[in-house]
Amino acid sequence: MVKCVLTGWNGFIAQNLEKTLKGSEFSVLGMPRDILYDFRKITEFFNYNKPDFIIHTAAYGNKYSQDNDFETIYANIIGLANLLEMTRNIDYQGFINFSSSSVMLSHETFYSATKASGERIVRAFVNKYNKPVFSVRPFTVIGKGEQEEHLIPRLIKSCQLGIEIPFVSNPVHDFIGVKDLCEAVLCLMQYADKLKGQIIDIGSGECISNKKIKEIVEKITHKKANIKEVESLRPYDTKKWVSNIEVLSFLGWKPKQTIEDIILEIIG
C-alpha cells in the first residue's frame, strides 16, 4: 500500500484528500501543524514513518480569524522549510506543497506573500537537491464542510433564514469543487518526478461573479437572499481571477462537478 503523510489534516481540503486517498488504496497518516516547528518532533515522526508521498496543506492566514502576522510567516515559510529539510533524505515519490491562488492578486497580504515565498523555496530546494517536489495553487475551493464565513454558505444561510449579509456583486472567483480538486491531486501524484519545481493551478478555468452565484443559490433554494449592497468587502476583490488548467488538461483531468451540484451538496 502506498503511504502518504498529510499535513494540516484537520483542514477542509486535507479531510477531503484523506477520504479520496483512502478510497484509492493509500494509507494516510495525518501530521499536526505544530510538529513542523520542532526539529526533534519532525525527526521522531519520520524515524517511524517513511512515506511514499508528502502532501503539505498545513497553513495559517487564509481564514478571516487568522490575523497574526508572525504566525502566518512562521507557519507558511518556516513550517514548509523545516518539512522539506527534515525529509530531504527520504526517498519519496513526490512532495506536493499547497500554495494559493492569492499569490496572483495585485494586493499583497501576509498570507499571499508567504505563500509566494513558499513557491520560491520549493523551486530553490528542487534546484539544489533535485527532489520530486512541486507546488499547486488551488483557486476558490468549495464543497460541503467549507468555512461558514465563505460566500456560498453565507448566501445559503441568508436565503434559508433571512439573515442580512453585506454583499458585493462584481468580484469574480474561479470556483473548484473540493472533490474535483482531490481528483486533480491524485492525477498529479502520478507525474511528480516530471513536475518537480513547477507550479500547477487547480481550478475550473472559468470566472463566476458573486452576483451569478447569488442567482444560482436563489434558484436552488427558491428564496431571495437578504443582502445589503456595499462597495467592497476586501481590498483584493477583483474582476479577473482565473486558473490556467492546461497542464492538468494535458494530463487528462477535467472538473466534473457543476456549481449547481456543489451547492445542492452543501445544502444537503
C-alpha atoms as a PDB file:
ATOM      1  CA  MET A   1       0.000   0.000   0.000  1.00  0.00           C
ATOM      2  CA  VAL A   2       1.278   3.470  -0.927  1.00  0.00           C
ATOM      3  CA  LYS A   3       1.977   5.563   2.177  1.00  0.00           C
ATOM      4  CA  CYS A   4       1.118   9.253   2.341  1.00  0.00           C
ATOM      5  CA  VAL A   5       1.805  11.823   5.063  1.00  0.00           C
ATOM      6  CA  LEU A   6      -0.727  14.640   5.062  1.00  0.00           C
ATOM      7  CA  THR A   7      -0.100  17.847   6.991  1.00  0.00           C
ATOM      8  CA  GLY A   8      -2.873  20.175   8.104  1.00  0.00           C
ATOM      9  CA  TRP A   9      -5.095  17.146   8.407  1.00  0.00           C
ATOM     10  CA  ASN A  10      -7.851  18.937  10.349  1.00  0.00           C
ATOM     11  CA  GLY A  11      -8.469  21.337   7.473  1.00  0.00           C
ATOM     12  CA  PHE A  12     -11.295  21.253   4.931  1.00  0.00           C
ATOM     13  CA  ILE A  13      -9.083  20.308   1.984  1.00  0.00           C
ATOM     14  CA  ALA A  14      -6.998  17.784   3.925  1.00  0.00           C
ATOM     15  CA  GLN A  15     -10.039  15.959   5.294  1.00  0.00           C
ATOM     16  CA  ASN A  16     -11.400  15.525   1.782  1.00  0.00           C
ATOM     17  CA  LEU A  17      -7.971  14.494   0.486  1.00  0.00           C
ATOM     18  CA  GLU A  18      -7.765  11.852   3.170  1.00  0.00           C
ATOM     19  CA  LYS A  19     -11.098  10.337   2.064  1.00  0.00           C
ATOM     20  CA  THR A  20     -10.046  10.382  -1.606  1.00  0.00           C
ATOM     21  CA  LEU A  21      -6.627   8.873  -0.940  1.00  0.00           C
ATOM     22  CA  LYS A  22      -8.009   6.108   1.256  1.00  0.00           C
ATOM     23  CA  GLY A  23     -10.595   5.384  -1.422  1.00  0.00           C
ATOM     24  CA  SER A  24      -7.705   4.914  -3.860  1.00  0.00           C
ATOM     25  CA  GLU A  25      -5.978   2.441  -1.507  1.00  0.00           C
ATOM     26  CA  PHE A  26      -3.441   4.817   0.017  1.00  0.00           C
ATOM     27  CA  SER A  27      -2.618   4.645   3.687  1.00  0.00           C
ATOM     28  CA  VAL A  28      -2.774   8.158   5.121  1.00  0.00           C
ATOM     29  CA  LEU A  29      -1.059   9.461   8.226  1.00  0.00           C
ATOM     30  CA  GLY A  30      -2.024  12.908   9.459  1.00  0.00           C
ATOM     31  CA  MET A  31       0.627  15.275  10.774  1.00  0.00           C
ATOM     32  CA  PRO A  32      -0.351  18.170  13.098  1.00  0.00           C
ATOM     33  CA  ARG A  33       0.945  21.616  12.157  1.00  0.00           C
ATOM     34  CA  ASP A  34       2.726  22.189  15.468  1.00  0.00           C
ATOM     35  CA  ILE A  35       5.140  19.319  14.755  1.00  0.00           C
ATOM     36  CA  LEU A  36       6.522  21.338  11.843  1.00  0.00           C
ATOM     37  CA  TYR A  37       8.008  23.875  14.245  1.00  0.00           C
ATOM     38  CA  ASP A  38      10.107  21.373  16.202  1.00  0.00           C
ATOM     39  CA  PHE A  39      13.072  19.574  14.610  1.00  0.00           C
ATOM     40  CA  ARG A  40      13.055  16.934  17.345  1.00  0.00           C
ATOM     41  CA  LYS A  41       9.394  16.096  16.785  1.00  0.00           C
ATOM     42  CA  ILE A  42       9.780  16.041  12.991  1.00  0.00           C
ATOM     43  CA  THR A  43      12.817  13.774  13.250  1.00  0.00           C
ATOM     44  CA  GLU A  44      10.999  11.419  15.596  1.00  0.00           C
ATOM     45  CA  PHE A  45       7.919  11.384  13.357  1.00  0.00           C
ATOM     46  CA  PHE A  46       9.866  10.440  10.221  1.00  0.00           C
ATOM     47  CA  ASN A  47      12.091   7.948  12.034  1.00  0.00           C
ATOM     48  CA  TYR A  48       8.942   5.842  12.361  1.00  0.00           C
ATOM     49  CA  ASN A  49       7.245   6.859   9.110  1.00  0.00           C
ATOM     50  CA  LYS A  50       8.824   6.663   5.654  1.00  0.00           C
ATOM     51  CA  PRO A  51       6.160   7.935   3.250  1.00  0.00           C
ATOM     52  CA  ASP A  52       5.961   7.498  -0.482  1.00  0.00           C
ATOM     53  CA  PHE A  53       4.227  10.876  -0.743  1.00  0.00           C
ATOM     54  CA  ILE A  54       4.043  14.007   1.371  1.00  0.00           C
ATOM     55  CA  ILE A  55       1.159  16.428   0.843  1.00  0.00           C
ATOM     56  CA  HIS A  56       1.648  19.697   2.682  1.00  0.00           C
ATOM     57  CA  THR A  57      -1.634  21.554   3.211  1.00  0.00           C
ATOM     58  CA  ALA A  58      -0.895  22.995   6.667  1.00  0.00           C
ATOM     59  CA  ALA A  59      -1.148  26.779   6.574  1.00  0.00           C
ATOM     60  CA  TYR A  60      -2.174  29.855   8.523  1.00  0.00           C
ATOM     61  CA  GLY A  61      -3.689  33.149   7.445  1.00  0.00           C
ATOM     62  CA  ASN A  62      -6.333  32.067   4.955  1.00  0.00           C
ATOM     63  CA  LYS A  63      -9.193  32.449   7.429  1.00  0.00           C
ATOM     64  CA  TYR A  64     -10.651  35.794   8.492  1.00  0.00           C
ATOM     65  CA  SER A  65      -9.923  34.990  12.139  1.00  0.00           C
ATOM     66  CA  GLN A  66      -6.250  34.188  11.465  1.00  0.00           C
ATOM     67  CA  ASP A  67      -4.658  37.632  11.597  1.00  0.00           C
ATOM     68  CA  ASN A  68      -1.403  37.017  13.480  1.00  0.00           C
ATOM     69  CA  ASP A  69       1.289  38.137  11.028  1.00  0.00           C
ATOM     70  CA  PHE A  70       4.118  36.354  12.848  1.00  0.00           C
ATOM     71  CA  GLU A  71       2.172  33.092  12.901  1.00  0.00           C
ATOM     72  CA  THR A  72       1.466  33.465   9.167  1.00  0.00           C
ATOM     73  CA  ILE A  73       5.184  33.813   8.421  1.00  0.00           C
ATOM     74  CA  TYR A  74       6.151  31.017  10.775  1.00  0.00           C
ATOM     75  CA  ALA A  75       3.553  28.542   9.504  1.00  0.00           C
ATOM     76  CA  ASN A  76       3.799  29.212   5.770  1.00  0.00           C
ATOM     77  CA  ILE A  77       7.558  29.679   5.433  1.00  0.00           C
ATOM     78  CA  ILE A  78       9.344  28.130   8.413  1.00  0.00           C
ATOM     79  CA  GLY A  79       6.996  25.139   8.616  1.00  0.00           C
ATOM     80  CA  LEU A  80       7.477  24.368   4.909  1.00  0.00           C
ATOM     81  CA  ALA A  81      11.252  24.847   5.056  1.00  0.00           C
ATOM     82  CA  ASN A  82      11.527  22.574   8.092  1.00  0.00           C
ATOM     83  CA  LEU A  83       9.463  19.866   6.431  1.00  0.00           C
ATOM     84  CA  LEU A  84      11.497  19.979   3.227  1.00  0.00           C
ATOM     85  CA  GLU A  85      14.801  19.833   5.089  1.00  0.00           C
ATOM     86  CA  MET A  86      13.844  17.108   7.538  1.00  0.00           C
ATOM     87  CA  THR A  87      12.515  14.809   4.787  1.00  0.00           C
ATOM     88  CA  ARG A  88      15.325  15.514   2.320  1.00  0.00           C
ATOM     89  CA  ASN A  89      16.925  12.095   2.800  1.00  0.00           C
ATOM     90  CA  ILE A  90      13.671  10.176   2.417  1.00  0.00           C
ATOM     91  CA  ASP A  91      13.334   8.549  -0.993  1.00  0.00           C
ATOM     92  CA  TYR A  92       9.753   9.705  -1.523  1.00  0.00           C
ATOM     93  CA  GLN A  93       7.963   9.558  -4.871  1.00  0.00           C
ATOM     94  CA  GLY A  94       6.518  13.031  -4.558  1.00  0.00           C
ATOM     95  CA  PHE A  95       6.064  16.043  -2.289  1.00  0.00           C
ATOM     96  CA  ILE A  96       3.165  18.406  -3.035  1.00  0.00           C
ATOM     97  CA  ASN A  97       3.236  21.873  -1.488  1.00  0.00           C
ATOM     98  CA  PHE A  98      -0.133  23.612  -1.313  1.00  0.00           C
ATOM     99  CA  SER A  99       0.268  27.252  -2.261  1.00  0.00           C
ATOM    100  CA  SER A 100      -2.640  29.593  -3.039  1.00  0.00           C
ATOM    101  CA  SER A 101      -4.143  31.453  -5.976  1.00  0.00           C
ATOM    102  CA  SER A 102      -3.957  34.580  -3.793  1.00  0.00           C
ATOM    103  CA  VAL A 103      -0.315  34.926  -4.888  1.00  0.00           C
ATOM    104  CA  MET A 104      -1.662  36.120  -8.261  1.00  0.00           C
ATOM    105  CA  LEU A 105      -3.568  39.083  -6.855  1.00  0.00           C
ATOM    106  CA  SER A 106      -2.162  42.598  -7.063  1.00  0.00           C
ATOM    107  CA  HIS A 107      -2.999  43.395  -3.443  1.00  0.00           C
ATOM    108  CA  GLU A 108      -0.285  41.796  -1.308  1.00  0.00           C
ATOM    109  CA  THR A 109      -1.169  40.325   2.075  1.00  0.00           C
ATOM    110  CA  PHE A 110       0.974  38.479   4.597  1.00  0.00           C
ATOM    111  CA  TYR A 111      -0.761  35.282   3.515  1.00  0.00           C
ATOM    112  CA  SER A 112      -0.152  35.791  -0.211  1.00  0.00           C
ATOM    113  CA  ALA A 113       3.428  36.949   0.381  1.00  0.00           C
ATOM    114  CA  THR A 114       4.285  33.909   2.489  1.00  0.00           C
ATOM    115  CA  LYS A 115       2.658  31.531   0.020  1.00  0.00           C
ATOM    116  CA  ALA A 116       4.624  33.106  -2.847  1.00  0.00           C
ATOM    117  CA  SER A 117       7.777  32.717  -0.754  1.00  0.00           C
ATOM    118  CA  GLY A 118       6.901  29.053  -0.262  1.00  0.00           C
ATOM    119  CA  GLU A 119       6.744  28.536  -4.025  1.00  0.00           C
ATOM    120  CA  ARG A 120      10.200  30.057  -4.413  1.00  0.00           C
ATOM    121  CA  ILE A 121      11.593  27.969  -1.558  1.00  0.00           C
ATOM    122  CA  VAL A 122      10.308  24.838  -3.291  1.00  0.00           C
ATOM    123  CA  ARG A 123      11.969  25.829  -6.569  1.00  0.00           C
ATOM    124  CA  ALA A 124      15.262  26.592  -4.813  1.00  0.00           C
ATOM    125  CA  PHE A 125      15.063  23.257  -3.000  1.00  0.00           C
ATOM    126  CA  VAL A 126      14.477  21.400  -6.266  1.00  0.00           C
ATOM    127  CA  ASN A 127      17.303  23.277  -7.972  1.00  0.00           C
ATOM    128  CA  LYS A 128      19.706  22.263  -5.223  1.00  0.00           C
ATOM    129  CA  TYR A 129      18.567  18.742  -4.369  1.00  0.00           C
ATOM    130  CA  ASN A 130      16.634  17.597  -7.465  1.00  0.00           C
ATOM    131  CA  LYS A 131      13.803  16.150  -5.389  1.00  0.00           C
ATOM    132  CA  PRO A 132      10.297  15.493  -6.848  1.00  0.00           C
ATOM    133  CA  VAL A 133       8.660  18.488  -5.174  1.00  0.00           C
ATOM    134  CA  PHE A 134       6.158  20.855  -6.781  1.00  0.00           C
ATOM    135  CA  SER A 135       3.511  23.377  -5.755  1.00  0.00           C
ATOM    136  CA  VAL A 136      -0.192  23.566  -6.523  1.00  0.00           C
ATOM    137  CA  ARG A 137      -2.341  26.697  -6.473  1.00  0.00           C
ATOM    138  CA  PRO A 138      -5.938  25.870  -5.573  1.00  0.00           C
ATOM    139  CA  PHE A 139      -8.402  28.552  -6.553  1.00  0.00           C
ATOM    140  CA  THR A 140     -11.695  29.021  -4.651  1.00  0.00           C
ATOM    141  CA  VAL A 141     -12.335  25.562  -3.240  1.00  0.00           C
ATOM    142  CA  ILE A 142     -15.966  24.893  -2.366  1.00  0.00           C
ATOM    143  CA  GLY A 143     -17.961  21.989  -1.031  1.00  0.00           C
ATOM    144  CA  LYS A 144     -19.746  20.526   1.953  1.00  0.00           C
ATOM    145  CA  GLY A 145     -17.861  21.408   5.119  1.00  0.00           C
ATOM    146  CA  GLU A 146     -16.178  24.597   3.879  1.00  0.00           C
ATOM    147  CA  GLN A 147     -15.870  27.595   6.181  1.00  0.00           C
ATOM    148  CA  GLU A 148     -19.206  29.063   7.240  1.00  0.00           C
ATOM    149  CA  GLU A 149     -17.990  32.619   6.555  1.00  0.00           C
ATOM    150  CA  HIS A 150     -17.381  31.851   2.872  1.00  0.00           C
ATOM    151  CA  LEU A 151     -19.633  33.287   0.171  1.00  0.00           C
ATOM    152  CA  ILE A 152     -21.791  30.279  -0.709  1.00  0.00           C
ATOM    153  CA  PRO A 153     -22.557  29.101   2.865  1.00  0.00           C
ATOM    154  CA  ARG A 154     -23.422  32.699   3.815  1.00  0.00           C
ATOM    155  CA  LEU A 155     -25.745  33.073   0.816  1.00  0.00           C
ATOM    156  CA  ILE A 156     -27.440  29.770   1.595  1.00  0.00           C
ATOM    157  CA  LYS A 157     -27.998  30.804   5.213  1.00  0.00           C
ATOM    158  CA  SER A 158     -29.319  34.186   4.081  1.00  0.00           C
ATOM    159  CA  CYS A 159     -31.808  32.525   1.742  1.00  0.00           C
ATOM    160  CA  GLN A 160     -32.921  29.910   4.249  1.00  0.00           C
ATOM    161  CA  LEU A 161     -33.060  32.069   7.387  1.00  0.00           C
ATOM    162  CA  GLY A 162     -33.463  35.584   6.012  1.00  0.00           C
ATOM    163  CA  ILE A 163     -30.239  36.774   7.640  1.00  0.00           C
ATOM    164  CA  GLU A 164     -28.969  40.051   6.159  1.00  0.00           C
ATOM    165  CA  ILE A 165     -25.430  39.876   4.788  1.00  0.00           C
ATOM    166  CA  PRO A 166     -23.158  42.519   3.208  1.00  0.00           C
ATOM    167  CA  PHE A 167     -22.684  41.738  -0.467  1.00  0.00           C
ATOM    168  CA  VAL A 168     -20.570  42.893  -3.407  1.00  0.00           C
ATOM    169  CA  SER A 169     -21.819  41.853  -6.851  1.00  0.00           C
ATOM    170  CA  ASN A 170     -18.862  42.367  -9.182  1.00  0.00           C
ATOM    171  CA  PRO A 171     -15.890  40.352  -7.817  1.00  0.00           C
ATOM    172  CA  VAL A 172     -15.256  37.029  -9.501  1.00  0.00           C
ATOM    173  CA  HIS A 173     -13.882  33.676  -8.399  1.00  0.00           C
ATOM    174  CA  ASP A 174     -12.702  30.550 -10.138  1.00  0.00           C
ATOM    175  CA  PHE A 175     -14.679  28.011  -8.127  1.00  0.00           C
ATOM    176  CA  ILE A 176     -13.468  24.420  -7.922  1.00  0.00           C
ATOM    177  CA  GLY A 177     -15.306  21.643  -6.097  1.00  0.00           C
ATOM    178  CA  VAL A 178     -13.243  20.005  -3.381  1.00  0.00           C
ATOM    179  CA  LYS A 179     -13.880  16.560  -4.879  1.00  0.00           C
ATOM    180  CA  ASP A 180     -12.523  17.716  -8.237  1.00  0.00           C
ATOM    181  CA  LEU A 181      -9.510  19.237  -6.502  1.00  0.00           C
ATOM    182  CA  CYS A 182      -8.788  15.923  -4.787  1.00  0.00           C
ATOM    183  CA  GLU A 183      -9.004  14.079  -8.098  1.00  0.00           C
ATOM    184  CA  ALA A 184      -6.602  16.624  -9.603  1.00  0.00           C
ATOM    185  CA  VAL A 185      -4.111  15.915  -6.806  1.00  0.00           C
ATOM    186  CA  LEU A 186      -4.389  12.171  -7.463  1.00  0.00           C
ATOM    187  CA  CYS A 187      -3.695  12.812 -11.129  1.00  0.00           C
ATOM    188  CA  LEU A 188      -0.651  14.999 -10.401  1.00  0.00           C
ATOM    189  CA  MET A 189       0.823  12.467  -7.977  1.00  0.00           C
ATOM    190  CA  GLN A 190       1.394  10.113 -10.883  1.00  0.00           C
ATOM    191  CA  TYR A 191       3.704  12.653 -12.556  1.00  0.00           C
ATOM    192  CA  ALA A 192       5.543  14.069  -9.531  1.00  0.00           C
ATOM    193  CA  ASP A 193       9.014  13.473 -10.926  1.00  0.00           C
ATOM    194  CA  LYS A 194       8.180  15.223 -14.218  1.00  0.00           C
ATOM    195  CA  LEU A 195       6.548  18.163 -12.423  1.00  0.00           C
ATOM    196  CA  LYS A 196       9.372  18.892  -9.986  1.00  0.00           C
ATOM    197  CA  GLY A 197       9.751  22.606  -9.308  1.00  0.00           C
ATOM    198  CA  GLN A 198       6.611  23.548 -11.215  1.00  0.00           C
ATOM    199  CA  ILE A 199       3.527  25.445 -10.019  1.00  0.00           C
ATOM    200  CA  ILE A 200       0.217  23.930 -11.119  1.00  0.00           C
ATOM    201  CA  ASP A 201      -3.097  25.797 -10.985  1.00  0.00           C
ATOM    202  CA  ILE A 202      -6.134  23.828  -9.837  1.00  0.00           C
ATOM    203  CA  GLY A 203      -9.408  25.475 -10.787  1.00  0.00           C
ATOM    204  CA  SER A 204     -12.237  25.280 -13.264  1.00  0.00           C
ATOM    205  CA  GLY A 205     -10.667  27.710 -15.712  1.00  0.00           C
ATOM    206  CA  GLU A 206     -13.778  29.904 -15.586  1.00  0.00           C
ATOM    207  CA  CYS A 207     -14.691  33.092 -13.717  1.00  0.00           C
ATOM    208  CA  ILE A 208     -18.057  33.431 -11.999  1.00  0.00           C
ATOM    209  CA  SER A 209     -19.204  36.650 -10.329  1.00  0.00           C
ATOM    210  CA  ASN A 210     -20.659  36.910  -6.843  1.00  0.00           C
ATOM    211  CA  LYS A 211     -23.884  38.118  -8.458  1.00  0.00           C
ATOM    212  CA  LYS A 212     -24.157  34.966 -10.567  1.00  0.00           C
ATOM    213  CA  ILE A 213     -23.526  32.755  -7.545  1.00  0.00           C
ATOM    214  CA  LYS A 214     -26.291  34.570  -5.649  1.00  0.00           C
ATOM    215  CA  GLU A 215     -28.701  33.956  -8.512  1.00  0.00           C
ATOM    216  CA  ILE A 216     -27.838  30.247  -8.583  1.00  0.00           C
ATOM    217  CA  VAL A 217     -28.301  29.882  -4.807  1.00  0.00           C
ATOM    218  CA  GLU A 218     -31.634  31.726  -5.004  1.00  0.00           C
ATOM    219  CA  LYS A 219     -32.803  29.480  -7.846  1.00  0.00           C
ATOM    220  CA  ILE A 220     -31.905  26.308  -5.961  1.00  0.00           C
ATOM    221  CA  THR A 221     -33.404  27.416  -2.629  1.00  0.00           C
ATOM    222  CA  HIS A 222     -36.431  29.124  -4.259  1.00  0.00           C
ATOM    223  CA  LYS A 223     -35.813  32.068  -1.923  1.00  0.00           C
ATOM    224  CA  LYS A 224     -34.216  35.506  -2.177  1.00  0.00           C
ATOM    225  CA  ALA A 225     -31.049  36.328  -0.280  1.00  0.00           C
ATOM    226  CA  ASN A 226     -31.325  39.204   2.192  1.00  0.00           C
ATOM    227  CA  ILE A 227     -28.378  41.294   1.055  1.00  0.00           C
ATOM    228  CA  LYS A 228     -27.056  44.763   1.745  1.00  0.00           C
ATOM    229  CA  GLU A 229     -25.076  46.023  -1.238  1.00  0.00           C
ATOM    230  CA  VAL A 230     -21.725  47.528  -0.252  1.00  0.00           C
ATOM    231  CA  GLU A 231     -18.887  48.922  -2.360  1.00  0.00           C
ATOM    232  CA  SER A 232     -16.212  46.456  -1.300  1.00  0.00           C
ATOM    233  CA  LEU A 233     -15.609  43.917   1.427  1.00  0.00           C
ATOM    234  CA  ARG A 234     -11.943  43.221   0.694  1.00  0.00           C
ATOM    235  CA  PRO A 235      -9.128  45.263  -0.855  1.00  0.00           C
ATOM    236  CA  TYR A 236      -8.188  42.362  -3.118  1.00  0.00           C
ATOM    237  CA  ASP A 237     -11.607  41.855  -4.726  1.00  0.00           C
ATOM    238  CA  THR A 238     -11.083  41.623  -8.451  1.00  0.00           C
ATOM    239  CA  LYS A 239     -12.886  41.203 -11.765  1.00  0.00           C
ATOM    240  CA  LYS A 240     -10.271  38.798 -13.111  1.00  0.00           C
ATOM    241  CA  TRP A 241      -9.103  35.782 -11.141  1.00  0.00           C
ATOM    242  CA  VAL A 242      -8.912  32.574 -13.146  1.00  0.00           C
ATOM    243  CA  SER A 243      -6.754  29.471 -13.330  1.00  0.00           C
ATOM    244  CA  ASN A 244      -4.714  28.080 -16.190  1.00  0.00           C
ATOM    245  CA  ILE A 245      -5.513  24.371 -16.266  1.00  0.00           C
ATOM    246  CA  GLU A 246      -3.533  23.484 -19.405  1.00  0.00           C
ATOM    247  CA  VAL A 247      -1.174  21.140 -17.532  1.00  0.00           C
ATOM    248  CA  LEU A 248      -3.979  19.245 -15.836  1.00  0.00           C
ATOM    249  CA  SER A 249      -6.000  19.079 -19.054  1.00  0.00           C
ATOM    250  CA  PHE A 250      -2.954  17.676 -20.855  1.00  0.00           C
ATOM    251  CA  LEU A 251      -2.685  15.006 -18.153  1.00  0.00           C
ATOM    252  CA  GLY A 252      -6.306  14.003 -18.711  1.00  0.00           C
ATOM    253  CA  TRP A 253      -8.013  15.751 -15.780  1.00  0.00           C
ATOM    254  CA  LYS A 254     -11.042  17.987 -16.050  1.00  0.00           C
ATOM    255  CA  PRO A 255     -13.557  19.187 -13.445  1.00  0.00           C
ATOM    256  CA  LYS A 256     -16.725  17.112 -13.258  1.00  0.00           C
ATOM    257  CA  GLN A 257     -18.794  18.978 -10.664  1.00  0.00           C
ATOM    258  CA  THR A 258     -21.054  21.864 -11.647  1.00  0.00           C
ATOM    259  CA  ILE A 259     -21.661  24.814  -9.347  1.00  0.00           C
ATOM    260  CA  GLU A 260     -25.282  23.686  -9.029  1.00  0.00           C
ATOM    261  CA  ASP A 261     -24.252  20.168  -7.990  1.00  0.00           C
ATOM    262  CA  ILE A 262     -21.873  21.520  -5.350  1.00  0.00           C
ATOM    263  CA  ILE A 263     -24.431  23.945  -3.891  1.00  0.00           C
ATOM    264  CA  LEU A 264     -27.013  21.160  -3.671  1.00  0.00           C
ATOM    265  CA  GLU A 265     -24.462  19.014  -1.853  1.00  0.00           C
ATOM    266  CA  ILE A 266     -23.662  21.829   0.590  1.00  0.00           C
ATOM    267  CA  ILE A 267     -27.366  22.308   1.327  1.00  0.00           C
ATOM    268  CA  GLY A 268     -27.606  18.547   1.898  1.00  0.00           C
END
